[in-house]
Amino acid sequence: MHHGLANAIALPHVIRFTRRMPLRVYAELARALGVSSSKYDEEATEALAKGVTDLSQRVGLPLRYRDVGVPEDDLPAIAELAVTDGSIVYTAPGHGSRSWCSGVLKAAW
């Protein structure tokens, strides 16, 4: 599977799983993109995750890993690869544990 497609599928779930860390940033992005007018960061962050999902659906991107043939049994190995990938430091600082990656992958599966 193409790395960009894998990221697109996971993005709404990453937003939800990292919401405790950059909540204000995600909320500001949601308001800037016009997907939320809520003054509450938690609501705006959820609106951003939903907005990303809606956009993916409108442009015809798959919404789940299973839709592109990723077997559920492969998720632990994928989580292990994600933990050892250096980019995790930038995409999810402070959230790069094996259990965190597994949670995101299961949500995206």
PDB file of N, CA and C in Angstrom:
ATOM      1  N   MET A   1       0.846  -1.162   0.000  1.00  0.00           N
ATOM      2  CA  MET A   1       0.000   0.000   0.000  1.00  0.00           C
ATOM      3  C   MET A   1       0.896   1.231   0.000  1.00  0.00           C
ATOM      4  N   HIS A   2       0.497   2.229  -0.751  1.00  0.00           N
ATOM      5  CA  HIS A   2       1.238   3.489  -0.831  1.00  0.00           C
ATOM      6  C   HIS A   2       1.222   4.190   0.525  1.00  0.00           C
ATOM      7  N   HIS A   3       2.374   4.711   0.931  1.00  0.00           N
ATOM      8  CA  HIS A   3       2.524   5.367   2.241  1.00  0.00           C
ATOM      9  C   HIS A   3       1.535   6.521   2.400  1.00  0.00           C
ATOM     10  N   GLY A   4       1.322   7.316   1.341  1.00  0.00           N
ATOM     11  CA  GLY A   4       0.393   8.445   1.406  1.00  0.00           C
ATOM     12  C   GLY A   4      -1.035   7.984   1.652  1.00  0.00           C
ATOM     13  N   LEU A   5      -1.439   6.900   1.017  1.00  0.00           N
ATOM     14  CA  LEU A   5      -2.781   6.353   1.222  1.00  0.00           C
ATOM     15  C   LEU A   5      -2.926   5.852   2.645  1.00  0.00           C
ATOM     16  N   ALA A   6      -1.910   5.190   3.146  1.00  0.00           N
ATOM     17  CA  ALA A   6      -1.956   4.701   4.533  1.00  0.00           C
ATOM     18  C   ALA A   6      -2.115   5.867   5.495  1.00  0.00           C
ATOM     19  N   ASN A   7      -1.400   6.962   5.244  1.00  0.00           N
ATOM     20  CA  ASN A   7      -1.524   8.143   6.099  1.00  0.00           C
ATOM     21  C   ASN A   7      -2.903   8.769   6.002  1.00  0.00           C
ATOM     22  N   ALA A   8      -3.461   8.830   4.798  1.00  0.00           N
ATOM     23  CA  ALA A   8      -4.792   9.415   4.619  1.00  0.00           C
ATOM     24  C   ALA A   8      -5.842   8.618   5.383  1.00  0.00           C
ATOM     25  N   ILE A   9      -5.739   7.305   5.367  1.00  0.00           N
ATOM     26  CA  ILE A   9      -6.684   6.459   6.087  1.00  0.00           C
ATOM     27  C   ILE A   9      -6.556   6.683   7.590  1.00  0.00           C
ATOM     28  N   ALA A  10      -5.333   6.806   8.065  1.00  0.00           N
ATOM     29  CA  ALA A  10      -5.096   6.916   9.503  1.00  0.00           C
ATOM     30  C   ALA A  10      -5.336   8.319  10.061  1.00  0.00           C
ATOM     31  N   LEU A  11      -5.279   9.365   9.230  1.00  0.00           N
ATOM     32  CA  LEU A  11      -5.290  10.729   9.735  1.00  0.00           C
ATOM     33  C   LEU A  11      -6.434  11.066  10.691  1.00  0.00           C
ATOM     34  N   PRO A  12      -7.698  10.767  10.370  1.00  0.00           N
ATOM     35  CA  PRO A  12      -8.747  11.104  11.331  1.00  0.00           C
ATOM     36  C   PRO A  12      -8.561  10.406  12.677  1.00  0.00           C
ATOM     37  N   HIS A  13      -8.039   9.194  12.642  1.00  0.00           N
ATOM     38  CA  HIS A  13      -7.831   8.432  13.869  1.00  0.00           C
ATOM     39  C   HIS A  13      -6.647   8.992  14.658  1.00  0.00           C
ATOM     40  N   VAL A  14      -5.616   9.420  13.958  1.00  0.00           N
ATOM     41  CA  VAL A  14      -4.473  10.051  14.628  1.00  0.00           C
ATOM     42  C   VAL A  14      -4.935  11.333  15.315  1.00  0.00           C
ATOM     43  N   ILE A  15      -5.781  12.117  14.643  1.00  0.00           N
ATOM     44  CA  ILE A  15      -6.314  13.336  15.256  1.00  0.00           C
ATOM     45  C   ILE A  15      -7.033  12.990  16.550  1.00  0.00           C
ATOM     46  N   ARG A  16      -7.872  11.970  16.502  1.00  0.00           N
ATOM     47  CA  ARG A  16      -8.619  11.584  17.706  1.00  0.00           C
ATOM     48  C   ARG A  16      -7.706  11.042  18.800  1.00  0.00           C
ATOM     49  N   PHE A  17      -6.702  10.259  18.429  1.00  0.00           N
ATOM     50  CA  PHE A  17      -5.823   9.641  19.423  1.00  0.00           C
ATOM     51  C   PHE A  17      -4.808  10.608  19.999  1.00  0.00           C
ATOM     52  N   THR A  18      -4.521  11.714  19.316  1.00  0.00           N
ATOM     53  CA  THR A  18      -3.541  12.680  19.830  1.00  0.00           C
ATOM     54  C   THR A  18      -4.217  13.936  20.357  1.00  0.00           C
ATOM     55  N   ARG A  19      -5.514  13.914  20.474  1.00  0.00           N
ATOM     56  CA  ARG A  19      -6.239  15.140  20.819  1.00  0.00           C
ATOM     57  C   ARG A  19      -5.828  15.727  22.154  1.00  0.00           C
ATOM     58  N   ARG A  20      -5.320  14.944  23.070  1.00  0.00           N
ATOM     59  CA  ARG A  20      -4.906  15.509  24.358  1.00  0.00           C
ATOM     60  C   ARG A  20      -3.675  16.390  24.212  1.00  0.00           C
ATOM     61  N   MET A  21      -2.856  16.102  23.236  1.00  0.00           N
ATOM     62  CA  MET A  21      -1.620  16.852  23.075  1.00  0.00           C
ATOM     63  C   MET A  21      -1.838  18.174  22.339  1.00  0.00           C
ATOM     64  N   PRO A  22      -2.223  18.181  21.059  1.00  0.00           N
ATOM     65  CA  PRO A  22      -2.326  19.444  20.332  1.00  0.00           C
ATOM     66  C   PRO A  22      -3.772  19.907  20.176  1.00  0.00           C
ATOM     67  N   LEU A  23      -4.581  19.698  21.173  1.00  0.00           N
ATOM     68  CA  LEU A  23      -6.004  19.998  21.071  1.00  0.00           C
ATOM     69  C   LEU A  23      -6.249  21.408  20.543  1.00  0.00           C
ATOM     70  N   ARG A  24      -5.575  22.381  21.087  1.00  0.00           N
ATOM     71  CA  ARG A  24      -5.767  23.770  20.665  1.00  0.00           C
ATOM     72  C   ARG A  24      -5.398  23.947  19.189  1.00  0.00           C
ATOM     73  N   VAL A  25      -4.311  23.307  18.767  1.00  0.00           N
ATOM     74  CA  VAL A  25      -3.859  23.416  17.379  1.00  0.00           C
ATOM     75  C   VAL A  25      -4.884  22.787  16.438  1.00  0.00           C
ATOM     76  N   TYR A  26      -5.359  21.595  16.758  1.00  0.00           N
ATOM     77  CA  TYR A  26      -6.371  20.946  15.932  1.00  0.00           C
ATOM     78  C   TYR A  26      -7.646  21.778  15.883  1.00  0.00           C
ATOM     79  N   ALA A  27      -8.042  22.332  17.015  1.00  0.00           N
ATOM     80  CA  ALA A  27      -9.259  23.138  17.070  1.00  0.00           C
ATOM     81  C   ALA A  27      -9.114  24.393  16.214  1.00  0.00           C
ATOM     82  N   GLU A  28      -7.958  25.041  16.276  1.00  0.00           N
ATOM     83  CA  GLU A  28      -7.726  26.220  15.443  1.00  0.00           C
ATOM     84  C   GLU A  28      -7.767  25.849  13.968  1.00  0.00           C
ATOM     85  N   LEU A  29      -7.210  24.715  13.623  1.00  0.00           N
ATOM     86  CA  LEU A  29      -7.230  24.249  12.240  1.00  0.00           C
ATOM     87  C   LEU A  29      -8.672  23.980  11.792  1.00  0.00           C
ATOM     88  N   ALA A  30      -9.455  23.346  12.641  1.00  0.00           N
ATOM     89  CA  ALA A  30     -10.865  23.074  12.307  1.00  0.00           C
ATOM     90  C   ALA A  30     -11.622  24.368  12.049  1.00  0.00           C
ATOM     91  N   ARG A  31     -11.405  25.353  12.895  1.00  0.00           N
ATOM     92  CA  ARG A  31     -12.090  26.635  12.710  1.00  0.00           C
ATOM     93  C   ARG A  31     -11.598  27.343  11.444  1.00  0.00           C
ATOM     94  N   ALA A  32     -10.296  27.290  11.182  1.00  0.00           N
ATOM     95  CA  ALA A  32      -9.729  27.929   9.989  1.00  0.00           C
ATOM     96  C   ALA A  32     -10.244  27.284   8.706  1.00  0.00           C
ATOM     97  N   LEU A  33     -10.437  25.972   8.753  1.00  0.00           N
ATOM     98  CA  LEU A  33     -10.944  25.253   7.581  1.00  0.00           C
ATOM     99  C   LEU A  33     -12.461  25.356   7.441  1.00  0.00           C
ATOM    100  N   GLY A  34     -13.092  25.944   8.438  1.00  0.00           N
ATOM    101  CA  GLY A  34     -14.535  26.124   8.378  1.00  0.00           C
ATOM    102  C   GLY A  34     -15.349  24.889   8.684  1.00  0.00           C
ATOM    103  N   VAL A  35     -14.746  23.893   9.322  1.00  0.00           N
ATOM    104  CA  VAL A  35     -15.496  22.686   9.665  1.00  0.00           C
ATOM    105  C   VAL A  35     -16.052  22.761  11.079  1.00  0.00           C
ATOM    106  N   SER A  36     -15.736  23.854  11.790  1.00  0.00           N
ATOM    107  CA  SER A  36     -16.272  24.032  13.139  1.00  0.00           C
ATOM    108  C   SER A  36     -16.284  25.508  13.499  1.00  0.00           C
ATOM    109  N   SER A  37     -17.317  25.884  14.199  1.00  0.00           N
ATOM    110  CA  SER A  37     -17.362  27.236  14.765  1.00  0.00           C
ATOM    111  C   SER A  37     -17.428  27.162  16.294  1.00  0.00           C
ATOM    112  N   SER A  38     -17.279  25.948  16.817  1.00  0.00           N
ATOM    113  CA  SER A  38     -17.362  25.739  18.254  1.00  0.00           C
ATOM    114  C   SER A  38     -16.223  26.442  18.977  1.00  0.00           C
ATOM    115  N   LYS A  39     -16.553  27.045  20.103  1.00  0.00           N
ATOM    116  CA  LYS A  39     -15.493  27.652  20.920  1.00  0.00           C
ATOM    117  C   LYS A  39     -14.823  26.608  21.808  1.00  0.00           C
ATOM    118  N   TYR A  40     -15.354  25.408  21.834  1.00  0.00           N
ATOM    119  CA  TYR A  40     -14.797  24.332  22.658  1.00  0.00           C
ATOM    120  C   TYR A  40     -13.815  23.511  21.829  1.00  0.00           C
ATOM    121  N   ASP A  41     -12.581  23.458  22.278  1.00  0.00           N
ATOM    122  CA  ASP A  41     -11.535  22.780  21.516  1.00  0.00           C
ATOM    123  C   ASP A  41     -11.853  21.313  21.263  1.00  0.00           C
ATOM    124  N   GLU A  42     -12.439  20.636  22.247  1.00  0.00           N
ATOM    125  CA  GLU A  42     -12.756  19.203  22.087  1.00  0.00           C
ATOM    126  C   GLU A  42     -13.743  18.995  20.933  1.00  0.00           C
ATOM    127  N   GLU A  43     -14.790  19.800  20.880  1.00  0.00           N
ATOM    128  CA  GLU A  43     -15.783  19.688  19.804  1.00  0.00           C
ATOM    129  C   GLU A  43     -15.173  20.041  18.454  1.00  0.00           C
ATOM    130  N   ALA A  44     -14.350  21.086  18.423  1.00  0.00           N
ATOM    131  CA  ALA A  44     -13.723  21.501  17.177  1.00  0.00           C
ATOM    132  C   ALA A  44     -12.753  20.436  16.672  1.00  0.00           C
ATOM    133  N   THR A  45     -12.034  19.790  17.577  1.00  0.00           N
ATOM    134  CA  THR A  45     -11.099  18.743  17.196  1.00  0.00           C
ATOM    135  C   THR A  45     -11.841  17.554  16.594  1.00  0.00           C
ATOM    136  N   GLU A  46     -12.955  17.168  17.192  1.00  0.00           N
ATOM    137  CA  GLU A  46     -13.762  16.077  16.637  1.00  0.00           C
ATOM    138  C   GLU A  46     -14.306  16.477  15.270  1.00  0.00           C
ATOM    139  N   ALA A  47     -14.693  17.743  15.120  1.00  0.00           N
ATOM    140  CA  ALA A  47     -15.188  18.227  13.827  1.00  0.00           C
ATOM    141  C   ALA A  47     -14.088  18.144  12.765  1.00  0.00           C
ATOM    142  N   LEU A  48     -12.840  18.403  13.152  1.00  0.00           N
ATOM    143  CA  LEU A  48     -11.723  18.284  12.215  1.00  0.00           C
ATOM    144  C   LEU A  48     -11.556  16.839  11.766  1.00  0.00           C
ATOM    145  N   ALA A  49     -11.570  15.905  12.712  1.00  0.00           N
ATOM    146  CA  ALA A  49     -11.438  14.484  12.360  1.00  0.00           C
ATOM    147  C   ALA A  49     -12.568  14.056  11.426  1.00  0.00           C
ATOM    148  N   LYS A  50     -13.778  14.481  11.728  1.00  0.00           N
ATOM    149  CA  LYS A  50     -14.921  14.149  10.868  1.00  0.00           C
ATOM    150  C   LYS A  50     -14.785  14.829   9.510  1.00  0.00           C
ATOM    151  N   GLY A  51     -14.306  16.064   9.496  1.00  0.00           N
ATOM    152  CA  GLY A  51     -14.112  16.781   8.235  1.00  0.00           C
ATOM    153  C   GLY A  51     -13.111  16.091   7.329  1.00  0.00           C
ATOM    154  N   VAL A  52     -12.028  15.587   7.913  1.00  0.00           N
ATOM    155  CA  VAL A  52     -11.032  14.849   7.135  1.00  0.00           C
ATOM    156  C   VAL A  52     -11.650  13.568   6.576  1.00  0.00           C
ATOM    157  N   THR A  53     -12.435  12.870   7.389  1.00  0.00           N
ATOM    158  CA  THR A  53     -13.112  11.656   6.924  1.00  0.00           C
ATOM    159  C   THR A  53     -14.074  11.983   5.789  1.00  0.00           C
ATOM    160  N   ASP A  54     -14.859  13.035   5.955  1.00  0.00           N
ATOM    161  CA  ASP A  54     -15.820  13.432   4.915  1.00  0.00           C
ATOM    162  C   ASP A  54     -15.114  13.787   3.613  1.00  0.00           C
ATOM    163  N   LEU A  55     -14.010  14.531   3.706  1.00  0.00           N
ATOM    164  CA  LEU A  55     -13.247  14.902   2.512  1.00  0.00           C
ATOM    165  C   LEU A  55     -12.702  13.656   1.820  1.00  0.00           C
ATOM    166  N   SER A  56     -12.145  12.746   2.591  1.00  0.00           N
ATOM    167  CA  SER A  56     -11.627  11.496   2.012  1.00  0.00           C
ATOM    168  C   SER A  56     -12.724  10.748   1.271  1.00  0.00           C
ATOM    169  N   GLN A  57     -13.892  10.703   1.879  1.00  0.00           N
ATOM    170  CA  GLN A  57     -15.020  10.008   1.253  1.00  0.00           C
ATOM    171  C   GLN A  57     -15.441  10.714  -0.038  1.00  0.00           C
ATOM    172  N   ARG A  58     -15.507  12.039  -0.014  1.00  0.00           N
ATOM    173  CA  ARG A  58     -15.935  12.792  -1.203  1.00  0.00           C
ATOM    174  C   ARG A  58     -14.988  12.609  -2.376  1.00  0.00           C
ATOM    175  N   VAL A  59     -13.693  12.489  -2.101  1.00  0.00           N
ATOM    176  CA  VAL A  59     -12.738  12.335  -3.197  1.00  0.00           C
ATOM    177  C   VAL A  59     -12.470  10.875  -3.539  1.00  0.00           C
ATOM    178  N   GLY A  60     -13.169   9.970  -2.870  1.00  0.00           N
ATOM    179  CA  GLY A  60     -13.088   8.557  -3.220  1.00  0.00           C
ATOM    180  C   GLY A  60     -11.949   7.784  -2.604  1.00  0.00           C
ATOM    181  N   LEU A  61     -11.351   8.301  -1.529  1.00  0.00           N
ATOM    182  CA  LEU A  61     -10.302   7.543  -0.850  1.00  0.00           C
ATOM    183  C   LEU A  61     -10.923   6.484   0.046  1.00  0.00           C
ATOM    184  N   PRO A  62     -10.269   5.342   0.179  1.00  0.00           N
ATOM    185  CA  PRO A  62     -10.767   4.335   1.115  1.00  0.00           C
ATOM    186  C   PRO A  62     -10.693   4.879   2.538  1.00  0.00           C
ATOM    187  N   LEU A  63     -11.621   4.456   3.378  1.00  0.00           N
ATOM    188  CA  LEU A  63     -11.701   4.968   4.738  1.00  0.00           C
ATOM    189  C   LEU A  63     -11.123   4.019   5.776  1.00  0.00           C
ATOM    190  N   ARG A  64     -10.890   2.762   5.380  1.00  0.00           N
ATOM    191  CA  ARG A  64     -10.391   1.775   6.337  1.00  0.00           C
ATOM    192  C   ARG A  64      -9.310   0.932   5.681  1.00  0.00           C
ATOM    193  N   TYR A  65      -8.397   0.461   6.486  1.00  0.00           N
ATOM    194  CA  TYR A  65      -7.342  -0.399   5.964  1.00  0.00           C
ATOM    195  C   TYR A  65      -7.909  -1.678   5.351  1.00  0.00           C
ATOM    196  N   ARG A  66      -8.947  -2.217   5.929  1.00  0.00           N
ATOM    197  CA  ARG A  66      -9.518  -3.456   5.377  1.00  0.00           C
ATOM    198  C   ARG A  66     -10.065  -3.235   3.973  1.00  0.00           C
ATOM    199  N   ASP A  67     -10.442  -1.972   3.648  1.00  0.00           N
ATOM    200  CA  ASP A  67     -10.950  -1.665   2.315  1.00  0.00           C
ATOM    201  C   ASP A  67      -9.865  -1.755   1.240  1.00  0.00           C
ATOM    202  N   VAL A  68      -8.611  -1.742   1.661  1.00  0.00           N
ATOM    203  CA  VAL A  68      -7.508  -1.858   0.704  1.00  0.00           C
ATOM    204  C   VAL A  68      -6.740  -3.163   0.894  1.00  0.00           C
ATOM    205  N   GLY A  69      -7.366  -4.111   1.583  1.00  0.00           N
ATOM    206  CA  GLY A  69      -6.813  -5.459   1.679  1.00  0.00           C
ATOM    207  C   GLY A  69      -5.801  -5.702   2.776  1.00  0.00           C
ATOM    208  N   VAL A  70      -5.708  -4.822   3.757  1.00  0.00           N
ATOM    209  CA  VAL A  70      -4.779  -5.061   4.874  1.00  0.00           C
ATOM    210  C   VAL A  70      -5.436  -6.038   5.839  1.00  0.00           C
ATOM    211  N   PRO A  71      -4.834  -7.214   6.034  1.00  0.00           N
ATOM    212  CA  PRO A  71      -5.410  -8.181   6.969  1.00  0.00           C
ATOM    213  C   PRO A  71      -5.268  -7.701   8.410  1.00  0.00           C
ATOM    214  N   GLU A  72      -6.265  -7.942   9.211  1.00  0.00           N
ATOM    215  CA  GLU A  72      -6.221  -7.532  10.614  1.00  0.00           C
ATOM    216  C   GLU A  72      -5.029  -8.153  11.344  1.00  0.00           C
ATOM    217  N   ASP A  73      -4.664  -9.366  10.941  1.00  0.00           N
ATOM    218  CA  ASP A  73      -3.530 -10.056  11.566  1.00  0.00           C
ATOM    219  C   ASP A  73      -2.200  -9.335  11.332  1.00  0.00           C
ATOM    220  N   ASP A  74      -2.143  -8.455  10.331  1.00  0.00           N
ATOM    221  CA  ASP A  74      -0.904  -7.722  10.047  1.00  0.00           C
ATOM    222  C   ASP A  74      -0.735  -6.480  10.922  1.00  0.00           C
ATOM    223  N   LEU A  75      -1.773  -6.077  11.648  1.00  0.00           N
ATOM    224  CA  LEU A  75      -1.706  -4.838  12.422  1.00  0.00           C
ATOM    225  C   LEU A  75      -0.578  -4.813  13.460  1.00  0.00           C
ATOM    226  N   PRO A  76      -0.322  -5.898  14.208  1.00  0.00           N
ATOM    227  CA  PRO A  76       0.800  -5.848  15.161  1.00  0.00           C
ATOM    228  C   PRO A  76       2.149  -5.591  14.488  1.00  0.00           C
ATOM    229  N   ALA A  77       2.382  -6.213  13.340  1.00  0.00           N
ATOM    230  CA  ALA A  77       3.650  -6.000  12.625  1.00  0.00           C
ATOM    231  C   ALA A  77       3.739  -4.569  12.102  1.00  0.00           C
ATOM    232  N   ILE A  78       2.620  -4.030  11.640  1.00  0.00           N
ATOM    233  CA  ILE A  78       2.600  -2.646  11.155  1.00  0.00           C
ATOM    234  C   ILE A  78       2.854  -1.687  12.317  1.00  0.00           C
ATOM    235  N   ALA A  79       2.267  -1.966  13.474  1.00  0.00           N
ATOM    236  CA  ALA A  79       2.504  -1.130  14.657  1.00  0.00           C
ATOM    237  C   ALA A  79       3.981  -1.143  15.031  1.00  0.00           C
ATOM    238  N   GLU A  80       4.608  -2.304  14.947  1.00  0.00           N
ATOM    239  CA  GLU A  80       6.032  -2.419  15.258  1.00  0.00           C
ATOM    240  C   GLU A  80       6.857  -1.575  14.285  1.00  0.00           C
ATOM    241  N   LEU A  81       6.518  -1.616  13.014  1.00  0.00           N
ATOM    242  CA  LEU A  81       7.225  -0.793  12.025  1.00  0.00           C
ATOM    243  C   LEU A  81       7.022   0.696  12.303  1.00  0.00           C
ATOM    244  N   ALA A  82       5.803   1.069  12.688  1.00  0.00           N
ATOM    245  CA  ALA A  82       5.511   2.473  12.972  1.00  0.00           C
ATOM    246  C   ALA A  82       6.327   2.980  14.150  1.00  0.00           C
ATOM    247  N   VAL A  83       6.469   2.158  15.180  1.00  0.00           N
ATOM    248  CA  VAL A  83       7.214   2.553  16.377  1.00  0.00           C
ATOM    249  C   VAL A  83       8.690   2.773  16.048  1.00  0.00           C
ATOM    250  N   THR A  84       9.217   1.996  15.123  1.00  0.00           N
ATOM    251  CA  THR A  84      10.639   2.105  14.789  1.00  0.00           C
ATOM    252  C   THR A  84      10.899   3.103  13.665  1.00  0.00           C
ATOM    253  N   ASP A  85       9.868   3.677  13.076  1.00  0.00           N
ATOM    254  CA  ASP A  85      10.016   4.684  12.025  1.00  0.00           C
ATOM    255  C   ASP A  85      10.332   6.030  12.676  1.00  0.00           C
ATOM    256  N   GLY A  86      11.391   6.660  12.260  1.00  0.00           N
ATOM    257  CA  GLY A  86      11.811   7.920  12.857  1.00  0.00           C
ATOM    258  C   GLY A  86      10.795   9.047  12.741  1.00  0.00           C
ATOM    259  N   SER A  87       9.894   8.984  11.772  1.00  0.00           N
ATOM    260  CA  SER A  87       8.932  10.081  11.585  1.00  0.00           C
ATOM    261  C   SER A  87       7.885  10.143  12.693  1.00  0.00           C
ATOM    262  N   ILE A  88       7.751   9.092  13.486  1.00  0.00           N
ATOM    263  CA  ILE A  88       6.760   9.090  14.571  1.00  0.00           C
ATOM    264  C   ILE A  88       7.033  10.221  15.551  1.00  0.00           C
ATOM    265  N   VAL A  89       8.284  10.621  15.667  1.00  0.00           N
ATOM    266  CA  VAL A  89       8.652  11.710  16.565  1.00  0.00           C
ATOM    267  C   VAL A  89       7.967  13.012  16.141  1.00  0.00           C
ATOM    268  N   TYR A  90       7.783  13.195  14.837  1.00  0.00           N
ATOM    269  CA  TYR A  90       7.178  14.419  14.321  1.00  0.00           C
ATOM    270  C   TYR A  90       5.665  14.313  14.172  1.00  0.00           C
ATOM    271  N   THR A  91       5.172  13.138  13.812  1.00  0.00           N
ATOM    272  CA  THR A  91       3.739  12.995  13.573  1.00  0.00           C
ATOM    273  C   THR A  91       2.944  12.802  14.852  1.00  0.00           C
ATOM    274  N   ALA A  92       3.551  12.235  15.859  1.00  0.00           N
ATOM    275  CA  ALA A  92       2.833  11.989  17.115  1.00  0.00           C
ATOM    276  C   ALA A  92       3.794  12.083  18.293  1.00  0.00           C
ATOM    277  N   PRO A  93       4.411  13.254  18.499  1.00  0.00           N
ATOM    278  CA  PRO A  93       5.364  13.353  19.608  1.00  0.00           C
ATOM    279  C   PRO A  93       4.719  13.006  20.943  1.00  0.00           C
ATOM    280  N   GLY A  94       5.412  12.157  21.685  1.00  0.00           N
ATOM    281  CA  GLY A  94       4.909  11.734  22.985  1.00  0.00           C
ATOM    282  C   GLY A  94       3.858  10.641  22.912  1.00  0.00           C
ATOM    283  N   HIS A  95       3.523  10.193  21.693  1.00  0.00           N
ATOM    284  CA  HIS A  95       2.473   9.185  21.534  1.00  0.00           C
ATOM    285  C   HIS A  95       2.951   7.969  20.740  1.00  0.00           C
ATOM    286  N   GLY A  96       4.231   7.803  20.572  1.00  0.00           N
ATOM    287  CA  GLY A  96       4.742   6.769  19.688  1.00  0.00           C
ATOM    288  C   GLY A  96       4.938   5.398  20.288  1.00  0.00           C
ATOM    289  N   SER A  97       4.174   5.043  21.296  1.00  0.00           N
ATOM    290  CA  SER A  97       4.335   3.713  21.883  1.00  0.00           C
ATOM    291  C   SER A  97       3.668   2.661  21.001  1.00  0.00           C
ATOM    292  N   ARG A  98       4.050   1.418  21.212  1.00  0.00           N
ATOM    293  CA  ARG A  98       3.462   0.304  20.466  1.00  0.00           C
ATOM    294  C   ARG A  98       1.956   0.234  20.710  1.00  0.00           C
ATOM    295  N   SER A  99       1.521   0.436  21.953  1.00  0.00           N
ATOM    296  CA  SER A  99       0.088   0.348  22.244  1.00  0.00           C
ATOM    297  C   SER A  99      -0.672   1.510  21.609  1.00  0.00           C
ATOM    298  N   TRP A 100      -0.075   2.698  21.564  1.00  0.00           N
ATOM    299  CA  TRP A 100      -0.721   3.835  20.904  1.00  0.00           C
ATOM    300  C   TRP A 100      -0.873   3.555  19.414  1.00  0.00           C
ATOM    301  N   CYS A 101       0.207   3.092  18.772  1.00  0.00           N
ATOM    302  CA  CYS A 101       0.150   2.770  17.341  1.00  0.00           C
ATOM    303  C   CYS A 101      -0.875   1.677  17.067  1.00  0.00           C
ATOM    304  N   SER A 102      -0.921   0.670  17.919  1.00  0.00           N
ATOM    305  CA  SER A 102      -1.897  -0.408  17.756  1.00  0.00           C
ATOM    306  C   SER A 102      -3.327   0.122  17.848  1.00  0.00           C
ATOM    307  N   GLY A 103      -3.563   1.043  18.776  1.00  0.00           N
ATOM    308  CA  GLY A 103      -4.889   1.634  18.921  1.00  0.00           C
ATOM    309  C   GLY A 103      -5.318   2.398  17.683  1.00  0.00           C
ATOM    310  N   VAL A 104      -4.402   3.194  17.128  1.00  0.00           N
ATOM    311  CA  VAL A 104      -4.713   3.942  15.906  1.00  0.00           C
ATOM    312  C   VAL A 104      -4.998   2.971  14.759  1.00  0.00           C
ATOM    313  N   LEU A 105      -4.162   1.975  14.614  1.00  0.00           N
ATOM    314  CA  LEU A 105      -4.344   1.006  13.530  1.00  0.00           C
ATOM    315  C   LEU A 105      -5.653   0.242  13.653  1.00  0.00           C
ATOM    316  N   LYS A 106      -5.999  -0.175  14.861  1.00  0.00           N
ATOM    317  CA  LYS A 106      -7.254  -0.897  15.060  1.00  0.00           C
ATOM    318  C   LYS A 106      -8.441   0.001  14.735  1.00  0.00           C
ATOM    319  N   ALA A 107      -8.359   1.266  15.115  1.00  0.00           N
ATOM    320  CA  ALA A 107      -9.439   2.195  14.796  1.00  0.00           C
ATOM    321  C   ALA A 107      -9.564   2.400  13.284  1.00  0.00           C
ATOM    322  N   ALA A 108      -8.433   2.394  12.586  1.00  0.00           N
ATOM    323  CA  ALA A 108      -8.436   2.598  11.148  1.00  0.00           C
ATOM    324  C   ALA A 108      -8.745   1.326  10.377  1.00  0.00           C
ATOM    325  N   TRP A 109      -8.668   0.184  11.025  1.00  0.00           N
ATOM    326  CA  TRP A 109      -8.918  -1.073  10.315  1.00  0.00           C
ATOM    327  C   TRP A 109     -10.404  -1.231  10.075  1.00  0.00           C
TER     328      TRP A 109
END
